[in-house]
Amino acid sequence: MRKPLRKFILQPACNRAAFTLTELLVIVAVVAALTVVQVAAMSGPKGRTRIAQCATHLRQFAAALQMYAGDNNGRFPRGAVPPFTAPGAWPWDLAAVIVSNVAPYGVTRDALYCPANPDFNNDTTWNFGIVPSNPTGGFRIAGYVTALPDTPQLPGALANWTLTSQTYQSGPTNIPPQLPSQRVLLADVIISYNGNFGPIPIGGLPLTFIQRTSHMDGKLPEGGNVALLDGHVDWREFSDMKVKFGTPTFYW
């Protein structure tokens, strides 16, 4: 005789309570933390790549200056011949005659701009101060500060005239020369104006081309590359930089 079928009544496997507010807040916090870590992991390599590319540009620029000096009795190119003064008003205003002097030694337009501020490498800045009737007259707005003779705003004590460091006079005191491995020849633009590191209102350029500090980490500079007189390039953390000159203020 067949047994009657048993009736099964489905019951919930368990009676689980909903997430509490505290648990939800913890989950949200964990997800947010993971997002921050992921963004940092993604942006970190890009920042390191730009620092390395910037160092390559400065090394190329410095090498061209050294080769020019080697062919000209050890002297670097000047932006003007006295009694004339070099064109431009800012230390990244690079006399066009200097650009034409170093071009044969392999320096390209791209090497005169920092990859951390790629928008500044454009035809407007490149041709900003050029005299149409004289291609080597006027100046080009570059992406680096040049510690060369006639650089606008640069104190004479920081200008490099030759391949070797020179003694310079500060008031009645003769300052001994720095080692070539310590003397800055070229530097990233690290600039502040009223405590702001960028953008900097320098005037004359469209708003989209306003100059700023090259390697930013939030509201403060991360640091900058410097090419030294002996040709090597160093990365300096911003905390290790010192105010050098100018209003706005420049650092390296």
C-alpha atoms as a PDB file:
ATOM      1  CA  MET A   1       0.000   0.000   0.000  1.00  0.00           C
ATOM      2  CA  ARG A   2       1.388   3.367  -1.023  1.00  0.00           C
ATOM      3  CA  LYS A   3       2.193   5.788   1.705  1.00  0.00           C
ATOM      4  CA  PRO A   4       0.558   9.170   1.474  1.00  0.00           C
ATOM      5  CA  LEU A   5       2.776  11.965   0.194  1.00  0.00           C
ATOM      6  CA  ARG A   6       4.198  14.178   2.831  1.00  0.00           C
ATOM      7  CA  LYS A   7       3.543  17.848   2.457  1.00  0.00           C
ATOM      8  CA  PHE A   8       6.616  20.015   2.643  1.00  0.00           C
ATOM      9  CA  ILE A   9       6.331  23.595   3.636  1.00  0.00           C
ATOM     10  CA  LEU A  10       9.263  25.746   2.565  1.00  0.00           C
ATOM     11  CA  GLN A  11      10.694  27.729   5.413  1.00  0.00           C
ATOM     12  CA  PRO A  12      13.323  30.490   5.281  1.00  0.00           C
ATOM     13  CA  ALA A  13      16.781  29.038   5.774  1.00  0.00           C
ATOM     14  CA  CYS A  14      17.425  31.521   8.496  1.00  0.00           C
ATOM     15  CA  ASN A  15      16.070  34.704   9.879  1.00  0.00           C
ATOM     16  CA  ARG A  16      18.847  37.243   9.052  1.00  0.00           C
ATOM     17  CA  ALA A  17      18.624  40.751  10.357  1.00  0.00           C
ATOM     18  CA  ALA A  18      19.296  43.700   7.947  1.00  0.00           C
ATOM     19  CA  PHE A  19      22.627  45.610   8.002  1.00  0.00           C
ATOM     20  CA  THR A  20      22.894  48.061  10.817  1.00  0.00           C
ATOM     21  CA  LEU A  21      23.809  51.694  10.132  1.00  0.00           C
ATOM     22  CA  THR A  22      27.212  51.115  11.715  1.00  0.00           C
ATOM     23  CA  GLU A  23      27.911  48.175   9.411  1.00  0.00           C
ATOM     24  CA  LEU A  24      26.921  50.206   6.354  1.00  0.00           C
ATOM     25  CA  LEU A  25      29.181  53.069   7.389  1.00  0.00           C
ATOM     26  CA  VAL A  26      32.091  50.656   7.822  1.00  0.00           C
ATOM     27  CA  ILE A  27      31.498  49.188   4.353  1.00  0.00           C
ATOM     28  CA  VAL A  28      31.340  52.656   2.792  1.00  0.00           C
ATOM     29  CA  ALA A  29      34.572  53.643   4.544  1.00  0.00           C
ATOM     30  CA  VAL A  30      36.355  50.498   3.339  1.00  0.00           C
ATOM     31  CA  VAL A  31      35.206  51.047  -0.255  1.00  0.00           C
ATOM     32  CA  ALA A  32      36.337  54.677  -0.110  1.00  0.00           C
ATOM     33  CA  ALA A  33      39.735  53.657   1.233  1.00  0.00           C
ATOM     34  CA  LEU A  34      40.157  51.078  -1.523  1.00  0.00           C
ATOM     35  CA  THR A  35      39.249  53.701  -4.115  1.00  0.00           C
ATOM     36  CA  VAL A  36      41.895  56.081  -2.772  1.00  0.00           C
ATOM     37  CA  VAL A  37      44.507  53.334  -2.883  1.00  0.00           C
ATOM     38  CA  GLN A  38      43.507  52.430  -6.437  1.00  0.00           C
ATOM     39  CA  VAL A  39      43.704  56.064  -7.623  1.00  0.00           C
ATOM     40  CA  ALA A  40      47.091  56.493  -5.964  1.00  0.00           C
ATOM     41  CA  ALA A  41      48.320  53.321  -7.604  1.00  0.00           C
ATOM     42  CA  MET A  42      47.124  54.551 -10.983  1.00  0.00           C
ATOM     43  CA  SER A  43      48.417  58.136 -10.704  1.00  0.00           C
ATOM     44  CA  GLY A  44      51.725  57.277  -9.034  1.00  0.00           C
ATOM     45  CA  PRO A  45      53.369  55.645 -12.062  1.00  0.00           C
ATOM     46  CA  LYS A  46      52.181  58.493 -14.304  1.00  0.00           C
ATOM     47  CA  GLY A  47      53.796  61.029 -11.985  1.00  0.00           C
ATOM     48  CA  ARG A  48      57.016  59.016 -11.891  1.00  0.00           C
ATOM     49  CA  THR A  49      56.992  58.762 -15.682  1.00  0.00           C
ATOM     50  CA  ARG A  50      56.638  62.516 -16.060  1.00  0.00           C
ATOM     51  CA  ILE A  51      59.465  63.126 -13.609  1.00  0.00           C
ATOM     52  CA  ALA A  52      61.683  60.786 -15.636  1.00  0.00           C
ATOM     53  CA  GLN A  53      60.655  62.414 -18.927  1.00  0.00           C
ATOM     54  CA  CYS A  54      61.333  65.843 -17.439  1.00  0.00           C
ATOM     55  CA  ALA A  55      64.810  64.731 -16.350  1.00  0.00           C
ATOM     56  CA  THR A  56      65.483  63.531 -19.904  1.00  0.00           C
ATOM     57  CA  HIS A  57      64.450  66.923 -21.324  1.00  0.00           C
ATOM     58  CA  LEU A  58      66.677  68.818 -18.905  1.00  0.00           C
ATOM     59  CA  ARG A  59      69.595  66.473 -19.591  1.00  0.00           C
ATOM     60  CA  GLN A  60      69.197  67.065 -23.335  1.00  0.00           C
ATOM     61  CA  PHE A  61      68.992  70.841 -22.868  1.00  0.00           C
ATOM     62  CA  ALA A  62      72.006  70.913 -20.530  1.00  0.00           C
ATOM     63  CA  ALA A  63      74.066  68.750 -22.907  1.00  0.00           C
ATOM     64  CA  ALA A  64      73.334  71.127 -25.793  1.00  0.00           C
ATOM     65  CA  LEU A  65      74.426  74.102 -23.685  1.00  0.00           C
ATOM     66  CA  GLN A  66      77.627  72.304 -22.694  1.00  0.00           C
ATOM     67  CA  MET A  67      78.451  71.395 -26.295  1.00  0.00           C
ATOM     68  CA  TYR A  68      77.833  74.974 -27.410  1.00  0.00           C
ATOM     69  CA  ALA A  69      80.135  76.233 -24.650  1.00  0.00           C
ATOM     70  CA  GLY A  70      82.757  73.654 -25.610  1.00  0.00           C
ATOM     71  CA  ASP A  71      82.819  75.150 -29.102  1.00  0.00           C
ATOM     72  CA  ASN A  72      82.880  78.746 -27.851  1.00  0.00           C
ATOM     73  CA  ASN A  73      85.823  79.019 -25.445  1.00  0.00           C
ATOM     74  CA  GLY A  74      83.807  77.521 -22.591  1.00  0.00           C
ATOM     75  CA  ARG A  75      81.186  80.281 -22.587  1.00  0.00           C
ATOM     76  CA  PHE A  76      77.433  79.761 -22.589  1.00  0.00           C
ATOM     77  CA  PRO A  77      75.194  81.649 -25.051  1.00  0.00           C
ATOM     78  CA  ARG A  78      73.884  85.045 -24.038  1.00  0.00           C
ATOM     79  CA  GLY A  79      70.427  86.452 -24.585  1.00  0.00           C
ATOM     80  CA  ALA A  80      71.733  89.870 -25.637  1.00  0.00           C
ATOM     81  CA  VAL A  81      74.946  91.675 -26.459  1.00  0.00           C
ATOM     82  CA  PRO A  82      75.585  94.820 -24.365  1.00  0.00           C
ATOM     83  CA  PRO A  83      74.476  97.569 -24.352  1.00  0.00           C
ATOM     84  CA  PHE A  84      71.242  95.752 -25.256  1.00  0.00           C
ATOM     85  CA  THR A  85      69.307  93.748 -22.697  1.00  0.00           C
ATOM     86  CA  ALA A  86      67.738  90.350 -23.245  1.00  0.00           C
ATOM     87  CA  PRO A  87      64.063  90.346 -24.240  1.00  0.00           C
ATOM     88  CA  GLY A  88      61.356  89.077 -21.922  1.00  0.00           C
ATOM     89  CA  ALA A  89      60.384  89.726 -18.328  1.00  0.00           C
ATOM     90  CA  TRP A  90      60.285  86.287 -16.660  1.00  0.00           C
ATOM     91  CA  PRO A  91      63.034  83.728 -16.048  1.00  0.00           C
ATOM     92  CA  TRP A  92      61.373  81.208 -18.397  1.00  0.00           C
ATOM     93  CA  ASP A  93      61.470  83.790 -21.212  1.00  0.00           C
ATOM     94  CA  LEU A  94      64.241  82.282 -23.329  1.00  0.00           C
ATOM     95  CA  ALA A  95      65.872  84.565 -25.886  1.00  0.00           C
ATOM     96  CA  ALA A  96      65.278  83.231 -29.391  1.00  0.00           C
ATOM     97  CA  VAL A  97      68.953  83.668 -30.195  1.00  0.00           C
ATOM     98  CA  ILE A  98      69.797  81.130 -27.450  1.00  0.00           C
ATOM     99  CA  VAL A  99      67.311  78.651 -28.928  1.00  0.00           C
ATOM    100  CA  SER A 100      68.892  79.052 -32.368  1.00  0.00           C
ATOM    101  CA  ASN A 101      72.377  78.630 -30.858  1.00  0.00           C
ATOM    102  CA  VAL A 102      71.619  75.321 -29.124  1.00  0.00           C
ATOM    103  CA  ALA A 103      69.353  73.802 -31.808  1.00  0.00           C
ATOM    104  CA  PRO A 104      72.305  72.467 -33.868  1.00  0.00           C
ATOM    105  CA  TYR A 105      73.394  70.473 -30.810  1.00  0.00           C
ATOM    106  CA  GLY A 106      70.257  68.339 -30.799  1.00  0.00           C
ATOM    107  CA  VAL A 107      67.925  70.184 -28.428  1.00  0.00           C
ATOM    108  CA  THR A 108      64.327  70.075 -29.649  1.00  0.00           C
ATOM    109  CA  ARG A 109      61.348  72.270 -28.893  1.00  0.00           C
ATOM    110  CA  ASP A 110      59.838  69.540 -26.686  1.00  0.00           C
ATOM    111  CA  ALA A 111      63.005  69.458 -24.579  1.00  0.00           C
ATOM    112  CA  LEU A 112      62.336  73.067 -23.561  1.00  0.00           C
ATOM    113  CA  TYR A 113      59.040  72.172 -21.836  1.00  0.00           C
ATOM    114  CA  CYS A 114      58.197  70.061 -18.792  1.00  0.00           C
ATOM    115  CA  PRO A 115      55.937  67.019 -19.444  1.00  0.00           C
ATOM    116  CA  ALA A 116      54.214  67.700 -16.105  1.00  0.00           C
ATOM    117  CA  ASN A 117      52.701  70.846 -17.664  1.00  0.00           C
ATOM    118  CA  PRO A 118      52.095  69.657 -21.249  1.00  0.00           C
ATOM    119  CA  ASP A 119      49.501  72.313 -22.125  1.00  0.00           C
ATOM    120  CA  PHE A 120      52.188  74.995 -21.924  1.00  0.00           C
ATOM    121  CA  ASN A 121      53.979  73.506 -24.935  1.00  0.00           C
ATOM    122  CA  ASN A 122      51.936  75.185 -27.664  1.00  0.00           C
ATOM    123  CA  ASP A 123      52.398  77.577 -30.554  1.00  0.00           C
ATOM    124  CA  THR A 124      51.142  80.549 -28.529  1.00  0.00           C
ATOM    125  CA  THR A 125      53.902  80.294 -25.931  1.00  0.00           C
ATOM    126  CA  TRP A 126      56.516  79.171 -28.458  1.00  0.00           C
ATOM    127  CA  ASN A 127      55.957  82.186 -30.705  1.00  0.00           C
ATOM    128  CA  PHE A 128      54.770  84.659 -28.060  1.00  0.00           C
ATOM    129  CA  GLY A 129      57.692  87.096 -28.133  1.00  0.00           C
ATOM    130  CA  ILE A 130      59.106  86.376 -31.586  1.00  0.00           C
ATOM    131  CA  VAL A 131      59.832  89.297 -33.893  1.00  0.00           C
ATOM    132  CA  PRO A 132      58.311  88.257 -37.263  1.00  0.00           C
ATOM    133  CA  SER A 133      60.916  90.171 -39.260  1.00  0.00           C
ATOM    134  CA  ASN A 134      63.757  88.603 -37.263  1.00  0.00           C
ATOM    135  CA  PRO A 135      63.327  84.916 -36.264  1.00  0.00           C
ATOM    136  CA  THR A 136      66.259  85.090 -33.843  1.00  0.00           C
ATOM    137  CA  GLY A 137      64.967  88.288 -32.250  1.00  0.00           C
ATOM    138  CA  GLY A 138      62.608  88.375 -29.283  1.00  0.00           C
ATOM    139  CA  PHE A 139      62.026  85.398 -27.017  1.00  0.00           C
ATOM    140  CA  ARG A 140      60.093  82.184 -26.570  1.00  0.00           C
ATOM    141  CA  ILE A 141      58.194  81.328 -23.367  1.00  0.00           C
ATOM    142  CA  ALA A 142      59.801  78.042 -22.332  1.00  0.00           C
ATOM    143  CA  GLY A 143      58.886  75.582 -19.608  1.00  0.00           C
ATOM    144  CA  TYR A 144      62.095  75.774 -17.575  1.00  0.00           C
ATOM    145  CA  VAL A 145      64.068  78.440 -15.734  1.00  0.00           C
ATOM    146  CA  THR A 146      67.505  79.019 -17.248  1.00  0.00           C
ATOM    147  CA  ALA A 147      70.340  80.129 -14.976  1.00  0.00           C
ATOM    148  CA  LEU A 148      72.187  81.838 -17.817  1.00  0.00           C
ATOM    149  CA  PRO A 149      73.496  85.375 -18.319  1.00  0.00           C
ATOM    150  CA  ASP A 150      70.741  87.896 -19.091  1.00  0.00           C
ATOM    151  CA  THR A 151      67.922  85.685 -17.788  1.00  0.00           C
ATOM    152  CA  PRO A 152      65.193  88.123 -16.674  1.00  0.00           C
ATOM    153  CA  GLN A 153      64.916  88.558 -12.877  1.00  0.00           C
ATOM    154  CA  LEU A 154      67.795  86.133 -12.220  1.00  0.00           C
ATOM    155  CA  PRO A 155      70.342  87.546  -9.724  1.00  0.00           C
ATOM    156  CA  GLY A 156      73.797  87.828 -11.241  1.00  0.00           C
ATOM    157  CA  ALA A 157      75.235  85.547  -8.572  1.00  0.00           C
ATOM    158  CA  LEU A 158      73.110  82.660  -9.901  1.00  0.00           C
ATOM    159  CA  ALA A 159      73.979  83.139 -13.591  1.00  0.00           C
ATOM    160  CA  ASN A 160      76.386  80.696 -15.230  1.00  0.00           C
ATOM    161  CA  TRP A 161      78.709  82.365 -17.713  1.00  0.00           C
ATOM    162  CA  THR A 162      81.072  79.469 -18.367  1.00  0.00           C
ATOM    163  CA  LEU A 163      81.439  75.705 -18.008  1.00  0.00           C
ATOM    164  CA  THR A 164      83.314  76.230 -14.740  1.00  0.00           C
ATOM    165  CA  SER A 165      81.938  77.797 -11.572  1.00  0.00           C
ATOM    166  CA  GLN A 166      83.116  81.330 -10.973  1.00  0.00           C
ATOM    167  CA  THR A 167      83.852  83.335  -7.851  1.00  0.00           C
ATOM    168  CA  TYR A 168      81.296  86.096  -7.505  1.00  0.00           C
ATOM    169  CA  GLN A 169      81.058  89.179  -5.350  1.00  0.00           C
ATOM    170  CA  SER A 170      78.271  89.823  -2.870  1.00  0.00           C
ATOM    171  CA  GLY A 171      78.784  93.312  -1.541  1.00  0.00           C
ATOM    172  CA  PRO A 172      82.324  93.492  -0.198  1.00  0.00           C
ATOM    173  CA  THR A 173      82.584  89.691   0.066  1.00  0.00           C
ATOM    174  CA  ASN A 174      83.952  87.323  -2.558  1.00  0.00           C
ATOM    175  CA  ILE A 175      81.900  84.122  -2.572  1.00  0.00           C
ATOM    176  CA  PRO A 176      83.925  81.038  -3.541  1.00  0.00           C
ATOM    177  CA  PRO A 177      82.663  79.017  -6.511  1.00  0.00           C
ATOM    178  CA  GLN A 178      80.330  76.087  -5.997  1.00  0.00           C
ATOM    179  CA  LEU A 179      81.240  72.654  -7.253  1.00  0.00           C
ATOM    180  CA  PRO A 180      79.838  71.999 -10.764  1.00  0.00           C
ATOM    181  CA  SER A 181      77.854  69.126  -9.252  1.00  0.00           C
ATOM    182  CA  GLN A 182      76.072  71.618  -6.964  1.00  0.00           C
ATOM    183  CA  ARG A 183      75.590  74.606  -9.271  1.00  0.00           C
ATOM    184  CA  VAL A 184      72.141  74.814 -10.926  1.00  0.00           C
ATOM    185  CA  LEU A 185      72.104  75.440 -14.676  1.00  0.00           C
ATOM    186  CA  LEU A 186      68.432  74.680 -15.478  1.00  0.00           C
ATOM    187  CA  ALA A 187      65.450  74.110 -13.223  1.00  0.00           C
ATOM    188  CA  ASP A 188      61.794  73.163 -13.206  1.00  0.00           C
ATOM    189  CA  VAL A 189      59.423  76.077 -12.704  1.00  0.00           C
ATOM    190  CA  ILE A 190      58.576  76.066  -8.982  1.00  0.00           C
ATOM    191  CA  ILE A 191      56.846  79.369  -8.379  1.00  0.00           C
ATOM    192  CA  SER A 192      54.495  80.906  -5.814  1.00  0.00           C
ATOM    193  CA  TYR A 193      52.413  84.081  -5.919  1.00  0.00           C
ATOM    194  CA  ASN A 194      50.657  85.213  -2.737  1.00  0.00           C
ATOM    195  CA  GLY A 195      51.098  81.693  -1.380  1.00  0.00           C
ATOM    196  CA  ASN A 196      49.570  80.090  -4.476  1.00  0.00           C
ATOM    197  CA  PHE A 197      51.668  77.702  -6.593  1.00  0.00           C
ATOM    198  CA  GLY A 198      49.450  77.779  -9.651  1.00  0.00           C
ATOM    199  CA  PRO A 199      48.034  79.042 -11.791  1.00  0.00           C
ATOM    200  CA  ILE A 200      50.118  82.215 -11.764  1.00  0.00           C
ATOM    201  CA  PRO A 201      48.685  85.329 -13.457  1.00  0.00           C
ATOM    202  CA  ILE A 202      51.641  86.545 -15.521  1.00  0.00           C
ATOM    203  CA  GLY A 203      49.638  88.539 -18.073  1.00  0.00           C
ATOM    204  CA  GLY A 204      49.656  88.543 -21.837  1.00  0.00           C
ATOM    205  CA  LEU A 205      48.660  84.902 -22.312  1.00  0.00           C
ATOM    206  CA  PRO A 206      45.181  83.410 -22.833  1.00  0.00           C
ATOM    207  CA  LEU A 207      43.713  82.102 -19.590  1.00  0.00           C
ATOM    208  CA  THR A 208      44.153  78.506 -20.763  1.00  0.00           C
ATOM    209  CA  PHE A 209      47.930  79.008 -20.844  1.00  0.00           C
ATOM    210  CA  ILE A 210      48.478  80.490 -17.385  1.00  0.00           C
ATOM    211  CA  GLN A 211      51.836  79.448 -16.001  1.00  0.00           C
ATOM    212  CA  ARG A 212      51.989  77.196 -12.952  1.00  0.00           C
ATOM    213  CA  THR A 213      54.373  75.080 -10.935  1.00  0.00           C
ATOM    214  CA  SER A 214      55.333  72.017 -12.955  1.00  0.00           C
ATOM    215  CA  HIS A 215      55.061  69.081 -10.523  1.00  0.00           C
ATOM    216  CA  MET A 216      52.086  69.609  -8.229  1.00  0.00           C
ATOM    217  CA  ASP A 217      50.925  67.309  -5.432  1.00  0.00           C
ATOM    218  CA  GLY A 218      47.548  68.764  -4.515  1.00  0.00           C
ATOM    219  CA  LYS A 219      48.017  72.418  -3.595  1.00  0.00           C
ATOM    220  CA  LEU A 220      51.764  72.148  -2.997  1.00  0.00           C
ATOM    221  CA  PRO A 221      54.667  71.262  -5.286  1.00  0.00           C
ATOM    222  CA  GLU A 222      55.891  67.696  -5.102  1.00  0.00           C
ATOM    223  CA  GLY A 223      59.360  68.863  -6.045  1.00  0.00           C
ATOM    224  CA  GLY A 224      61.318  69.547  -9.207  1.00  0.00           C
ATOM    225  CA  ASN A 225      64.207  68.475 -11.398  1.00  0.00           C
ATOM    226  CA  VAL A 226      67.370  70.555 -11.662  1.00  0.00           C
ATOM    227  CA  ALA A 227      70.163  70.185 -14.195  1.00  0.00           C
ATOM    228  CA  LEU A 228      73.539  70.917 -12.652  1.00  0.00           C
ATOM    229  CA  LEU A 229      76.553  72.556 -14.256  1.00  0.00           C
ATOM    230  CA  ASP A 230      78.328  69.210 -14.628  1.00  0.00           C
ATOM    231  CA  GLY A 231      75.431  67.898 -16.741  1.00  0.00           C
ATOM    232  CA  HIS A 232      73.688  65.536 -14.329  1.00  0.00           C
ATOM    233  CA  VAL A 233      70.062  65.968 -13.246  1.00  0.00           C
ATOM    234  CA  ASP A 234      68.735  65.677  -9.688  1.00  0.00           C
ATOM    235  CA  TRP A 235      65.194  65.424  -8.355  1.00  0.00           C
ATOM    236  CA  ARG A 236      64.621  67.642  -5.311  1.00  0.00           C
ATOM    237  CA  GLU A 237      61.719  67.272  -2.935  1.00  0.00           C
ATOM    238  CA  PHE A 238      59.972  70.576  -2.315  1.00  0.00           C
ATOM    239  CA  SER A 239      60.835  70.324   1.384  1.00  0.00           C
ATOM    240  CA  ASP A 240      64.522  70.451   0.399  1.00  0.00           C
ATOM    241  CA  MET A 241      64.154  73.521  -1.837  1.00  0.00           C
ATOM    242  CA  LYS A 242      65.006  77.091  -0.915  1.00  0.00           C
ATOM    243  CA  VAL A 243      63.651  80.438  -2.051  1.00  0.00           C
ATOM    244  CA  LYS A 244      66.023  81.770  -4.675  1.00  0.00           C
ATOM    245  CA  PHE A 245      64.683  85.038  -6.054  1.00  0.00           C
ATOM    246  CA  GLY A 246      61.868  87.069  -7.480  1.00  0.00           C
ATOM    247  CA  THR A 247      58.343  88.300  -6.930  1.00  0.00           C
ATOM    248  CA  PRO A 248      56.558  85.973  -7.603  1.00  0.00           C
ATOM    249  CA  THR A 249      58.947  83.711  -5.775  1.00  0.00           C
ATOM    250  CA  PHE A 250      61.035  81.024  -7.483  1.00  0.00           C
ATOM    251  CA  TYR A 251      62.517  77.964  -5.772  1.00  0.00           C
ATOM    252  CA  TRP A 252      65.048  75.255  -6.511  1.00  0.00           C
END
